[in-house]
Amino acid sequence: MKKKILHNATEMFLNIGFKSVTMDDIATNSGISKKTIYAHFSNKTELVKTVTLHIFDIVKKGVDLIHAQEQNPIIELFEIKRFVMKHLKDEKSSPQYQLQKYYPKIYKTLKQKQFKVMQELIKENLAKGIQQKLFRATIDIDFTARIYFHGMVGIKDKDLFPLENNSMNTLTTNHLEYHLRGICSQKGIKELEKQL
């Protein structure tokens, strides 16, 4: 039952938003009573935290599998972008923005976990790109990895980037292109153009 609640809550939170979905909505959607949800999760905050860590684990496993394929680093970044967009439902409801606003402690924990994973992954990606002569040899790997992560978080701020103007998929593609054009060698630009 706990798995069913977690699955339904995850789908609803991603599609509608953490703030908009009530425990009553989850109970109705799951065909159970609210009391049954409370037997597994003491309150909505605990459910939001569990869902958030669940989504993080799913995305991390998928990203690790893509990374393990040892593709060229430009293809790898596009594959990761596609995978994340698929699993976050194109972020129609701005889940990360809602987390930040309504569940700041959970958001802070998630952001720290994301940063740790992304720093390691992007640094490896950059080093491999330099080695394969797809990225310029002169880039500062640590700085570039940090600025890439900051940009990823920044484009999810719907005050700065309203989703009425662009889908999250468009924003992430634009961010990825911006990142790659700044670091690619001529050889890398040719690979980027292929991916675009």
Protein backbone atom coordinates (compact mmCIF):
# COMPACT_ATOMS: atom_id res chain seq x y z
CA MET A 1 0.00 0.00 0.00
CA LYS A 2 2.85 2.36 0.86
CA LYS A 3 4.31 1.89 -2.64
CA LYS A 4 0.95 2.66 -4.24
CA ILE A 5 0.56 5.84 -2.17
CA LEU A 6 4.12 6.89 -3.02
CA HIS A 7 3.57 6.23 -6.74
CA ASN A 8 0.28 8.14 -6.90
CA ALA A 9 1.58 11.03 -4.79
CA THR A 10 4.68 11.29 -7.01
CA GLU A 11 2.59 11.46 -10.18
CA MET A 12 0.23 14.05 -8.70
CA PHE A 13 2.96 16.24 -7.20
CA LEU A 14 4.87 16.31 -10.49
CA ASN A 15 1.79 17.01 -12.61
CA ILE A 16 -0.12 19.39 -10.35
CA GLY A 17 2.42 20.65 -7.80
CA PHE A 18 3.38 20.06 -4.18
CA LYS A 19 1.25 22.95 -2.92
CA SER A 20 -1.87 22.26 -4.98
CA VAL A 21 -2.27 18.56 -4.14
CA THR A 22 -4.00 17.77 -0.83
CA MET A 23 -3.97 14.56 1.17
CA ASP A 24 -7.67 14.22 0.23
CA ASP A 25 -6.71 14.39 -3.47
CA ILE A 26 -4.12 11.64 -3.01
CA ALA A 27 -6.58 9.47 -1.07
CA THR A 28 -9.30 9.90 -3.72
CA ASN A 29 -6.85 9.25 -6.57
CA SER A 30 -5.53 6.14 -4.80
CA GLY A 31 -9.00 4.82 -3.96
CA ILE A 32 -8.22 4.71 -0.23
CA SER A 33 -9.07 6.70 2.87
CA LYS A 34 -6.96 9.54 4.20
CA LYS A 35 -6.55 7.45 7.36
CA THR A 36 -4.71 4.81 5.31
CA ILE A 37 -2.24 7.44 4.07
CA TYR A 38 -1.66 8.62 7.64
CA ALA A 39 -0.91 5.03 8.67
CA HIS A 40 2.16 5.24 6.40
CA PHE A 41 3.00 8.97 6.44
CA SER A 42 2.43 11.07 9.56
CA ASN A 43 1.69 14.26 7.59
CA LYS A 44 1.95 15.87 4.15
CA THR A 45 5.46 17.20 4.84
CA GLU A 46 6.73 13.66 5.49
CA LEU A 47 5.05 12.47 2.28
CA VAL A 48 6.57 15.37 0.28
CA LYS A 49 10.02 14.55 1.71
CA THR A 50 9.65 10.84 0.88
CA VAL A 51 8.43 11.61 -2.66
CA THR A 52 11.27 14.09 -3.22
CA LEU A 53 13.95 11.60 -2.16
CA HIS A 54 12.22 8.87 -4.19
CA ILE A 55 12.32 11.02 -7.35
CA PHE A 56 15.95 11.95 -6.62
CA ASP A 57 16.91 8.25 -6.35
CA ILE A 58 15.12 7.32 -9.60
CA VAL A 59 16.77 10.19 -11.51
CA LYS A 60 20.20 9.49 -9.98
CA LYS A 61 20.04 5.80 -10.98
CA GLY A 62 19.07 6.72 -14.54
CA VAL A 63 21.79 9.35 -14.80
CA ASP A 64 24.36 6.86 -13.43
CA LEU A 65 23.31 4.33 -16.11
CA ILE A 66 23.70 6.94 -18.87
CA HIS A 67 27.08 8.00 -17.46
CA ALA A 68 28.24 4.36 -17.36
CA GLN A 69 27.66 4.05 -21.13
CA GLU A 70 30.85 6.08 -21.73
CA GLN A 71 29.38 8.10 -24.62
CA ASN A 72 31.07 11.26 -25.77
CA PRO A 73 30.39 13.99 -23.19
CA ILE A 74 28.13 16.11 -25.43
CA ILE A 75 25.84 13.19 -26.26
CA GLU A 76 25.90 12.22 -22.56
CA LEU A 77 24.59 15.64 -21.49
CA PHE A 78 21.76 15.54 -24.05
CA GLU A 79 20.82 11.98 -23.00
CA ILE A 80 20.74 13.03 -19.34
CA LYS A 81 18.59 16.07 -20.20
CA ARG A 82 16.08 13.88 -22.07
CA PHE A 83 15.95 11.32 -19.26
CA VAL A 84 15.42 13.95 -16.55
CA MET A 85 12.70 15.73 -18.55
CA LYS A 86 10.86 12.43 -19.08
CA HIS A 87 10.93 11.58 -15.37
CA LEU A 88 10.05 15.07 -14.15
CA LYS A 89 7.09 15.33 -16.57
CA ASP A 90 8.66 18.39 -18.25
CA GLU A 91 8.24 20.06 -14.82
CA LYS A 92 4.88 21.56 -15.81
CA SER A 93 4.01 22.33 -12.20
CA SER A 94 7.44 23.81 -11.27
CA PRO A 95 7.97 21.23 -8.49
CA GLN A 96 11.40 22.51 -7.48
CA TYR A 97 10.14 26.11 -7.30
CA GLN A 98 7.18 25.01 -5.16
CA LEU A 99 9.48 22.99 -2.90
CA GLN A 100 11.67 26.05 -2.39
CA LYS A 101 8.69 28.23 -1.55
CA TYR A 102 6.56 25.91 0.60
CA TYR A 103 9.02 23.30 1.90
CA PRO A 104 12.35 25.17 2.23
CA LYS A 105 14.06 22.57 4.48
CA ILE A 106 13.27 19.74 2.06
CA TYR A 107 14.38 21.92 -0.85
CA LYS A 108 17.70 22.72 0.85
CA THR A 109 18.40 19.02 1.51
CA LEU A 110 17.50 18.12 -2.08
CA LYS A 111 19.64 20.91 -3.54
CA GLN A 112 22.66 19.76 -1.51
CA LYS A 113 22.19 16.17 -2.72
CA GLN A 114 21.76 17.33 -6.32
CA PHE A 115 24.84 19.55 -6.10
CA LYS A 116 27.03 16.74 -4.76
CA VAL A 117 25.95 14.33 -7.52
CA MET A 118 26.04 16.91 -10.33
CA GLN A 119 29.44 18.33 -9.38
CA GLU A 120 31.06 14.93 -9.60
CA LEU A 121 29.28 14.02 -12.84
CA ILE A 122 29.89 17.34 -14.61
CA LYS A 123 33.56 17.46 -13.57
CA GLU A 124 34.07 13.98 -15.06
CA ASN A 125 32.14 15.05 -18.16
CA LEU A 126 34.31 18.16 -18.58
CA ALA A 127 37.57 16.26 -18.06
CA LYS A 128 36.51 13.65 -20.62
CA GLY A 129 35.50 16.40 -23.07
CA ILE A 130 38.90 18.05 -22.74
CA GLN A 131 40.62 14.70 -23.21
CA GLN A 132 38.57 14.00 -26.36
CA LYS A 133 39.29 17.55 -27.61
CA LEU A 134 35.56 18.37 -27.67
CA PHE A 135 36.00 21.03 -24.96
CA ARG A 136 38.66 23.72 -24.77
CA ALA A 137 41.67 22.66 -22.71
CA THR A 138 41.76 26.02 -20.90
CA ILE A 139 38.39 25.80 -19.12
CA ASP A 140 38.34 25.86 -15.30
CA ILE A 141 36.64 22.54 -14.53
CA ASP A 142 35.49 23.35 -10.98
CA PHE A 143 34.13 26.79 -11.91
CA THR A 144 32.38 25.50 -15.03
CA ALA A 145 30.74 22.61 -13.13
CA ARG A 146 29.48 25.02 -10.45
CA ILE A 147 28.15 27.57 -12.95
CA TYR A 148 26.42 24.77 -14.89
CA PHE A 149 24.64 23.62 -11.73
CA HIS A 150 23.73 27.20 -10.79
CA GLY A 151 22.20 27.71 -14.24
CA MET A 152 20.19 24.49 -13.94
CA VAL A 153 18.73 25.66 -10.64
CA GLY A 154 18.25 29.23 -11.93
CA ILE A 155 16.12 28.31 -14.95
CA LYS A 156 13.62 26.66 -12.57
CA ASP A 157 12.84 30.04 -11.00
CA LYS A 158 9.47 30.75 -12.58
CA ASP A 159 9.68 34.44 -11.65
CA LEU A 160 12.76 34.74 -13.88
CA PHE A 161 11.63 32.19 -16.47
CA PRO A 162 7.80 32.00 -16.57
CA LEU A 163 6.64 28.67 -17.98
CA GLU A 164 3.97 30.50 -20.00
CA ASN A 165 6.84 31.82 -22.17
CA ASN A 166 8.86 28.60 -22.51
CA SER A 167 8.47 24.96 -21.57
CA MET A 168 10.99 23.52 -19.13
CA ASN A 169 12.24 21.34 -22.00
CA THR A 170 13.02 24.47 -24.07
CA LEU A 171 14.70 26.15 -21.10
CA THR A 172 16.91 23.13 -20.36
CA THR A 173 17.87 22.81 -24.04
CA ASN A 174 18.75 26.52 -24.18
CA HIS A 175 20.76 26.23 -20.96
CA LEU A 176 22.62 23.18 -22.26
CA GLU A 177 23.40 24.88 -25.59
CA TYR A 178 24.58 28.03 -23.76
CA HIS A 179 26.85 25.89 -21.54
CA LEU A 180 28.31 23.91 -24.44
CA ARG A 181 28.88 26.87 -26.77
CA GLY A 182 30.94 28.46 -24.01
CA ILE A 183 33.28 25.49 -23.58
CA CYS A 184 33.34 23.59 -26.90
CA SER A 185 36.29 23.44 -29.27
CA GLN A 186 35.59 23.60 -33.03
CA LYS A 187 35.29 19.80 -33.01
CA GLY A 188 32.84 20.04 -30.11
CA ILE A 189 30.71 22.69 -31.85
CA LYS A 190 30.24 20.27 -34.80
CA GLU A 191 29.01 17.57 -32.39
CA LEU A 192 26.75 20.09 -30.64
CA GLU A 193 25.19 21.15 -33.96
CA LYS A 194 24.44 17.45 -34.68
CA GLN A 195 22.68 17.08 -31.33
CA LEU A 196 20.65 20.25 -31.80
